[in-house]
Amino acid sequence: MIKAVLFDLDGTLADTAPDLTYALNRVRGARGLPPLPLTATRPVASQGARGLIGTGFNIHPGDPGYDALRDEFLAVYAENLCRETRLFAGIPELLDRLEARALPWGVVTNKAERFTFPLLDLLRVRNRSACVIGGDTTGRIKPHPEPLLAASRAIGLAPQSCIYVGDDRRDVEAGQAAGMKTAIAKWGYLNGQDPENWNADHMIEEPRDLLRFL
């Protein structure tokens, strides 16, 4: 029996792509480059700085100049966390339903705490969540299972009693490695891929669909 729900943040709980794209385009603009449309950046938004910098400049971790671009991008993003970011349609109602059933819910994300905590505050949900595990909370990031295991410990439930909802293959891999049920948020970014072969337990078209499995 599922007794708690854990959510990925970017591309699952909240649509953060517009503000991530804004930060990227600020960095591009400072170098005389034209802005990229949201259609170009949205598929990789779940990958954070790595995905955005790769798309915007075609450079990757370890390449010359990557660290400086990443730091500049993150500095701009930190000042613009919630210009257009919103909870996905249906998420507020889902959270209300979970709380009405006395089912705790939490957030497990690879996004660093310094962005995750203030963003959830701005979205007015942090004080409602049973736990928040950021990308630097445990020293491990997904697909390693430790962040999810830390979340289950924080809410005092066995991993087998939890379901993890995400929009990336690594979310499924982390959830499975932690011994949790997994669900793919098909409204999310999906890294531009087809999630049908990710072997998740459930595919959900919209947030309310999750209630069928609880």
C-alpha atoms as a PDB file:
ATOM      1  CA  MET A   1       0.000   0.000   0.000  1.00  0.00           C
ATOM      2  CA  ILE A   2       1.306   3.441  -0.941  1.00  0.00           C
ATOM      3  CA  LYS A   3       1.497   5.669   2.123  1.00  0.00           C
ATOM      4  CA  ALA A   4       3.466   8.654   0.732  1.00  0.00           C
ATOM      5  CA  VAL A   5       4.143  10.406  -2.566  1.00  0.00           C
ATOM      6  CA  LEU A   6       7.484  11.912  -3.537  1.00  0.00           C
ATOM      7  CA  PHE A   7       7.797  14.304  -6.460  1.00  0.00           C
ATOM      8  CA  ASP A   8      10.600  15.475  -8.669  1.00  0.00           C
ATOM      9  CA  LEU A   9      10.557  19.278  -8.918  1.00  0.00           C
ATOM     10  CA  ASP A  10      11.515  20.573 -12.381  1.00  0.00           C
ATOM     11  CA  GLY A  11       9.131  19.185 -14.971  1.00  0.00           C
ATOM     12  CA  THR A  12       6.985  17.284 -12.485  1.00  0.00           C
ATOM     13  CA  LEU A  13       5.785  19.469  -9.636  1.00  0.00           C
ATOM     14  CA  ALA A  14       6.544  22.837 -11.244  1.00  0.00           C
ATOM     15  CA  ASP A  15       7.028  24.230 -14.736  1.00  0.00           C
ATOM     16  CA  THR A  16      10.397  25.914 -14.229  1.00  0.00           C
ATOM     17  CA  ALA A  17      11.451  25.979 -17.894  1.00  0.00           C
ATOM     18  CA  PRO A  18      10.410  29.607 -18.557  1.00  0.00           C
ATOM     19  CA  ASP A  19      12.667  30.999 -15.830  1.00  0.00           C
ATOM     20  CA  LEU A  20      15.551  28.673 -16.633  1.00  0.00           C
ATOM     21  CA  THR A  21      15.262  29.813 -20.240  1.00  0.00           C
ATOM     22  CA  TYR A  22      15.137  33.453 -19.170  1.00  0.00           C
ATOM     23  CA  ALA A  23      18.411  33.018 -17.270  1.00  0.00           C
ATOM     24  CA  LEU A  24      20.024  31.258 -20.210  1.00  0.00           C
ATOM     25  CA  ASN A  25      18.955  33.974 -22.625  1.00  0.00           C
ATOM     26  CA  ARG A  26      20.336  36.661 -20.326  1.00  0.00           C
ATOM     27  CA  VAL A  27      23.719  34.942 -20.501  1.00  0.00           C
ATOM     28  CA  ARG A  28      23.412  34.544 -24.263  1.00  0.00           C
ATOM     29  CA  GLY A  29      22.401  38.173 -24.652  1.00  0.00           C
ATOM     30  CA  ALA A  30      25.456  39.330 -22.740  1.00  0.00           C
ATOM     31  CA  ARG A  31      27.485  37.704 -25.515  1.00  0.00           C
ATOM     32  CA  GLY A  32      25.492  39.152 -28.367  1.00  0.00           C
ATOM     33  CA  LEU A  33      23.604  35.931 -29.065  1.00  0.00           C
ATOM     34  CA  PRO A  34      19.871  35.885 -29.877  1.00  0.00           C
ATOM     35  CA  PRO A  35      17.418  34.379 -27.394  1.00  0.00           C
ATOM     36  CA  LEU A  36      16.423  30.757 -27.737  1.00  0.00           C
ATOM     37  CA  PRO A  37      12.723  29.880 -27.816  1.00  0.00           C
ATOM     38  CA  LEU A  38      11.178  27.839 -25.049  1.00  0.00           C
ATOM     39  CA  THR A  39      10.613  25.020 -27.521  1.00  0.00           C
ATOM     40  CA  ALA A  40      14.393  24.583 -27.780  1.00  0.00           C
ATOM     41  CA  THR A  41      15.087  24.583 -24.046  1.00  0.00           C
ATOM     42  CA  ARG A  42      12.026  22.977 -22.486  1.00  0.00           C
ATOM     43  CA  PRO A  43      13.000  19.356 -23.321  1.00  0.00           C
ATOM     44  CA  VAL A  44      16.287  19.665 -21.396  1.00  0.00           C
ATOM     45  CA  ALA A  45      15.049  21.796 -18.511  1.00  0.00           C
ATOM     46  CA  SER A  46      15.048  18.832 -16.111  1.00  0.00           C
ATOM     47  CA  GLN A  47      18.812  18.587 -16.607  1.00  0.00           C
ATOM     48  CA  GLY A  48      19.325  22.010 -15.036  1.00  0.00           C
ATOM     49  CA  ALA A  49      22.470  24.001 -15.812  1.00  0.00           C
ATOM     50  CA  ARG A  50      24.093  21.110 -17.638  1.00  0.00           C
ATOM     51  CA  GLY A  51      21.225  20.779 -20.085  1.00  0.00           C
ATOM     52  CA  LEU A  52      20.623  24.493 -20.537  1.00  0.00           C
ATOM     53  CA  ILE A  53      24.285  25.424 -21.019  1.00  0.00           C
ATOM     54  CA  GLY A  54      24.700  22.513 -23.417  1.00  0.00           C
ATOM     55  CA  THR A  55      21.752  23.694 -25.487  1.00  0.00           C
ATOM     56  CA  GLY A  56      22.634  27.370 -25.331  1.00  0.00           C
ATOM     57  CA  PHE A  57      26.369  27.153 -25.989  1.00  0.00           C
ATOM     58  CA  ASN A  58      27.065  23.577 -27.097  1.00  0.00           C
ATOM     59  CA  ILE A  59      29.604  23.073 -24.333  1.00  0.00           C
ATOM     60  CA  HIS A  60      29.465  20.550 -21.524  1.00  0.00           C
ATOM     61  CA  PRO A  61      31.002  19.804 -18.110  1.00  0.00           C
ATOM     62  CA  GLY A  62      34.765  19.526 -18.479  1.00  0.00           C
ATOM     63  CA  ASP A  63      34.901  21.761 -21.565  1.00  0.00           C
ATOM     64  CA  PRO A  64      36.894  25.014 -21.372  1.00  0.00           C
ATOM     65  CA  GLY A  65      34.680  27.846 -20.204  1.00  0.00           C
ATOM     66  CA  TYR A  66      31.854  25.631 -18.965  1.00  0.00           C
ATOM     67  CA  ASP A  67      32.280  26.406 -15.261  1.00  0.00           C
ATOM     68  CA  ALA A  68      32.262  30.169 -15.806  1.00  0.00           C
ATOM     69  CA  LEU A  69      29.120  29.993 -17.940  1.00  0.00           C
ATOM     70  CA  ARG A  70      27.423  27.744 -15.410  1.00  0.00           C
ATOM     71  CA  ASP A  71      28.214  30.076 -12.533  1.00  0.00           C
ATOM     72  CA  GLU A  72      26.972  33.096 -14.467  1.00  0.00           C
ATOM     73  CA  PHE A  73      23.807  31.262 -15.473  1.00  0.00           C
ATOM     74  CA  LEU A  74      23.100  30.146 -11.903  1.00  0.00           C
ATOM     75  CA  ALA A  75      23.678  33.649 -10.552  1.00  0.00           C
ATOM     76  CA  VAL A  76      21.074  35.049 -12.948  1.00  0.00           C
ATOM     77  CA  TYR A  77      18.685  32.214 -12.209  1.00  0.00           C
ATOM     78  CA  ALA A  78      18.982  32.730  -8.451  1.00  0.00           C
ATOM     79  CA  GLU A  79      17.635  36.270  -8.924  1.00  0.00           C
ATOM     80  CA  ASN A  80      14.770  35.100 -11.136  1.00  0.00           C
ATOM     81  CA  LEU A  81      13.505  31.873  -9.587  1.00  0.00           C
ATOM     82  CA  CYS A  82       9.822  32.560  -9.880  1.00  0.00           C
ATOM     83  CA  ARG A  83       9.121  35.129 -12.570  1.00  0.00           C
ATOM     84  CA  GLU A  84       6.964  32.710 -14.536  1.00  0.00           C
ATOM     85  CA  THR A  85       7.440  29.391 -12.739  1.00  0.00           C
ATOM     86  CA  ARG A  86       4.156  27.847 -11.661  1.00  0.00           C
ATOM     87  CA  LEU A  87       2.914  24.553 -10.318  1.00  0.00           C
ATOM     88  CA  PHE A  88       1.671  22.478 -13.225  1.00  0.00           C
ATOM     89  CA  ALA A  89      -2.067  22.508 -13.843  1.00  0.00           C
ATOM     90  CA  GLY A  90      -3.696  19.968 -11.580  1.00  0.00           C
ATOM     91  CA  ILE A  91      -0.848  19.830  -9.057  1.00  0.00           C
ATOM     92  CA  PRO A  92      -2.489  22.150  -6.484  1.00  0.00           C
ATOM     93  CA  GLU A  93      -5.636  20.025  -6.552  1.00  0.00           C
ATOM     94  CA  LEU A  94      -3.589  16.826  -6.281  1.00  0.00           C
ATOM     95  CA  LEU A  95      -1.738  18.114  -3.232  1.00  0.00           C
ATOM     96  CA  ASP A  96      -5.053  19.064  -1.636  1.00  0.00           C
ATOM     97  CA  ARG A  97      -6.372  15.556  -2.256  1.00  0.00           C
ATOM     98  CA  LEU A  98      -3.267  13.922  -0.820  1.00  0.00           C
ATOM     99  CA  GLU A  99      -3.498  16.025   2.306  1.00  0.00           C
ATOM    100  CA  ALA A 100      -7.216  15.277   2.616  1.00  0.00           C
ATOM    101  CA  ARG A 101      -6.302  11.586   2.650  1.00  0.00           C
ATOM    102  CA  ALA A 102      -3.567  12.222   5.251  1.00  0.00           C
ATOM    103  CA  LEU A 103      -0.938  11.028   2.756  1.00  0.00           C
ATOM    104  CA  PRO A 104       2.372  12.852   3.272  1.00  0.00           C
ATOM    105  CA  TRP A 105       4.152  14.148   0.188  1.00  0.00           C
ATOM    106  CA  GLY A 106       7.647  15.451  -0.389  1.00  0.00           C
ATOM    107  CA  VAL A 107      10.106  16.698  -2.982  1.00  0.00           C
ATOM    108  CA  VAL A 108      13.282  14.974  -4.145  1.00  0.00           C
ATOM    109  CA  THR A 109      15.230  16.915  -6.753  1.00  0.00           C
ATOM    110  CA  ASN A 110      18.723  17.282  -8.152  1.00  0.00           C
ATOM    111  CA  LYS A 111      18.286  21.047  -7.878  1.00  0.00           C
ATOM    112  CA  ALA A 112      20.571  22.479  -5.196  1.00  0.00           C
ATOM    113  CA  GLU A 113      19.018  23.481  -1.873  1.00  0.00           C
ATOM    114  CA  ARG A 114      19.864  27.154  -2.426  1.00  0.00           C
ATOM    115  CA  PHE A 115      17.404  27.194  -5.324  1.00  0.00           C
ATOM    116  CA  THR A 116      14.958  24.510  -4.180  1.00  0.00           C
ATOM    117  CA  PHE A 117      14.055  25.897  -0.770  1.00  0.00           C
ATOM    118  CA  PRO A 118      13.346  29.500  -1.833  1.00  0.00           C
ATOM    119  CA  LEU A 119      11.494  28.356  -4.947  1.00  0.00           C
ATOM    120  CA  LEU A 120       9.178  26.120  -2.937  1.00  0.00           C
ATOM    121  CA  ASP A 121       8.651  29.033  -0.540  1.00  0.00           C
ATOM    122  CA  LEU A 122       7.721  31.293  -3.444  1.00  0.00           C
ATOM    123  CA  LEU A 123       5.323  28.637  -4.723  1.00  0.00           C
ATOM    124  CA  ARG A 124       3.872  28.465  -1.187  1.00  0.00           C
ATOM    125  CA  VAL A 125       4.208  24.724  -0.795  1.00  0.00           C
ATOM    126  CA  ARG A 126       7.405  24.175   1.177  1.00  0.00           C
ATOM    127  CA  ASN A 127       5.682  24.406   4.542  1.00  0.00           C
ATOM    128  CA  ARG A 128       3.164  21.781   3.385  1.00  0.00           C
ATOM    129  CA  SER A 129       5.727  19.181   2.305  1.00  0.00           C
ATOM    130  CA  ALA A 130       6.781  16.385   4.621  1.00  0.00           C
ATOM    131  CA  CYS A 131      10.359  16.569   3.349  1.00  0.00           C
ATOM    132  CA  VAL A 132      12.523  18.356   0.793  1.00  0.00           C
ATOM    133  CA  ILE A 133      15.690  16.665  -0.448  1.00  0.00           C
ATOM    134  CA  GLY A 134      17.872  18.764  -2.754  1.00  0.00           C
ATOM    135  CA  GLY A 135      20.716  17.795  -5.019  1.00  0.00           C
ATOM    136  CA  ASP A 136      23.286  18.605  -2.345  1.00  0.00           C
ATOM    137  CA  THR A 137      21.379  17.352   0.694  1.00  0.00           C
ATOM    138  CA  THR A 138      22.930  13.880   0.754  1.00  0.00           C
ATOM    139  CA  GLY A 139      26.046  14.285  -1.378  1.00  0.00           C
ATOM    140  CA  ARG A 140      24.440  12.056  -4.017  1.00  0.00           C
ATOM    141  CA  ILE A 141      22.138  12.879  -6.904  1.00  0.00           C
ATOM    142  CA  LYS A 142      19.683  10.814  -8.914  1.00  0.00           C
ATOM    143  CA  PRO A 143      19.888   8.242 -10.394  1.00  0.00           C
ATOM    144  CA  HIS A 144      21.608   7.230  -7.150  1.00  0.00           C
ATOM    145  CA  PRO A 145      18.891   6.068  -4.734  1.00  0.00           C
ATOM    146  CA  GLU A 146      20.272   7.822  -1.650  1.00  0.00           C
ATOM    147  CA  PRO A 147      18.193  11.036  -2.033  1.00  0.00           C
ATOM    148  CA  LEU A 148      15.020   8.958  -2.174  1.00  0.00           C
ATOM    149  CA  LEU A 149      16.110   6.817   0.738  1.00  0.00           C
ATOM    150  CA  ALA A 150      16.821   9.995   2.706  1.00  0.00           C
ATOM    151  CA  ALA A 151      13.295  11.182   1.927  1.00  0.00           C
ATOM    152  CA  SER A 152      11.750   7.944   3.174  1.00  0.00           C
ATOM    153  CA  ARG A 153      13.769   8.224   6.371  1.00  0.00           C
ATOM    154  CA  ALA A 154      12.700  11.840   6.809  1.00  0.00           C
ATOM    155  CA  ILE A 155       9.009  10.954   6.641  1.00  0.00           C
ATOM    156  CA  GLY A 156       9.438   7.781   8.659  1.00  0.00           C
ATOM    157  CA  LEU A 157       8.159   5.305   6.093  1.00  0.00           C
ATOM    158  CA  ALA A 158       9.735   2.325   4.362  1.00  0.00           C
ATOM    159  CA  PRO A 159      10.756   2.977   0.747  1.00  0.00           C
ATOM    160  CA  GLN A 160       8.352   0.241  -0.343  1.00  0.00           C
ATOM    161  CA  SER A 161       5.501   2.390   0.984  1.00  0.00           C
ATOM    162  CA  CYS A 162       6.412   5.326  -1.271  1.00  0.00           C
ATOM    163  CA  ILE A 163       5.859   6.182  -4.909  1.00  0.00           C
ATOM    164  CA  TYR A 164       8.176   8.531  -6.764  1.00  0.00           C
ATOM    165  CA  VAL A 165       6.804  10.675  -9.581  1.00  0.00           C
ATOM    166  CA  GLY A 166       9.249  12.134 -12.114  1.00  0.00           C
ATOM    167  CA  ASP A 167       9.725  13.079 -15.742  1.00  0.00           C
ATOM    168  CA  ASP A 168      13.181  11.687 -16.508  1.00  0.00           C
ATOM    169  CA  ARG A 169      14.664   8.220 -16.901  1.00  0.00           C
ATOM    170  CA  ARG A 170      16.954   8.850 -13.944  1.00  0.00           C
ATOM    171  CA  ASP A 171      13.861   9.361 -11.759  1.00  0.00           C
ATOM    172  CA  VAL A 172      12.658   5.877 -12.611  1.00  0.00           C
ATOM    173  CA  GLU A 173      16.128   4.403 -12.099  1.00  0.00           C
ATOM    174  CA  ALA A 174      16.514   6.093  -8.711  1.00  0.00           C
ATOM    175  CA  GLY A 175      13.064   5.047  -7.574  1.00  0.00           C
ATOM    176  CA  GLN A 176      13.591   1.449  -8.590  1.00  0.00           C
ATOM    177  CA  ALA A 177      17.006   1.327  -6.928  1.00  0.00           C
ATOM    178  CA  ALA A 178      15.418   2.655  -3.733  1.00  0.00           C
ATOM    179  CA  GLY A 179      12.714  -0.010  -3.824  1.00  0.00           C
ATOM    180  CA  MET A 180       9.893   2.436  -4.508  1.00  0.00           C
ATOM    181  CA  LYS A 181       7.063   2.357  -6.995  1.00  0.00           C
ATOM    182  CA  THR A 182       7.606   4.818  -9.841  1.00  0.00           C
ATOM    183  CA  ALA A 183       5.355   6.924 -12.042  1.00  0.00           C
ATOM    184  CA  ILE A 184       6.186   9.048 -15.075  1.00  0.00           C
ATOM    185  CA  ALA A 185       4.646  12.513 -15.295  1.00  0.00           C
ATOM    186  CA  LYS A 186       3.864  12.663 -18.992  1.00  0.00           C
ATOM    187  CA  TRP A 187       3.088  16.392 -18.733  1.00  0.00           C
ATOM    188  CA  GLY A 188       6.768  16.974 -17.910  1.00  0.00           C
ATOM    189  CA  TYR A 189       9.869  17.639 -19.999  1.00  0.00           C
ATOM    190  CA  LEU A 190      10.877  13.978 -20.533  1.00  0.00           C
ATOM    191  CA  ASN A 191      14.293  15.083 -21.816  1.00  0.00           C
ATOM    192  CA  GLY A 192      12.803  15.045 -25.304  1.00  0.00           C
ATOM    193  CA  GLN A 193      12.504  11.248 -25.128  1.00  0.00           C
ATOM    194  CA  ASP A 194       9.783   8.624 -25.284  1.00  0.00           C
ATOM    195  CA  PRO A 195       9.250   7.340 -21.723  1.00  0.00           C
ATOM    196  CA  GLU A 196       7.430   4.195 -22.753  1.00  0.00           C
ATOM    197  CA  ASN A 197      10.610   2.093 -22.453  1.00  0.00           C
ATOM    198  CA  TRP A 198      11.721   3.436 -19.079  1.00  0.00           C
ATOM    199  CA  ASN A 199       9.945   0.570 -17.290  1.00  0.00           C
ATOM    200  CA  ALA A 200       8.116   2.717 -14.770  1.00  0.00           C
ATOM    201  CA  ASP A 201       5.274   1.148 -12.816  1.00  0.00           C
ATOM    202  CA  HIS A 202       2.789   3.759 -13.982  1.00  0.00           C
ATOM    203  CA  MET A 203       2.376   6.366 -16.728  1.00  0.00           C
ATOM    204  CA  ILE A 204       0.200   9.300 -15.744  1.00  0.00           C
ATOM    205  CA  GLU A 205      -1.175  11.742 -18.275  1.00  0.00           C
ATOM    206  CA  GLU A 206      -2.225  14.367 -15.737  1.00  0.00           C
ATOM    207  CA  PRO A 207      -1.742  14.811 -11.992  1.00  0.00           C
ATOM    208  CA  ARG A 208      -5.153  13.554 -10.893  1.00  0.00           C
ATOM    209  CA  ASP A 209      -4.430  10.209 -12.570  1.00  0.00           C
ATOM    210  CA  LEU A 210      -2.023   9.446  -9.728  1.00  0.00           C
ATOM    211  CA  LEU A 211      -4.930   9.053  -7.347  1.00  0.00           C
ATOM    212  CA  ARG A 212      -5.920   5.794  -9.051  1.00  0.00           C
ATOM    213  CA  PHE A 213      -2.763   4.126  -7.717  1.00  0.00           C
ATOM    214  CA  LEU A 214      -2.992   5.288  -4.113  1.00  0.00           C
END
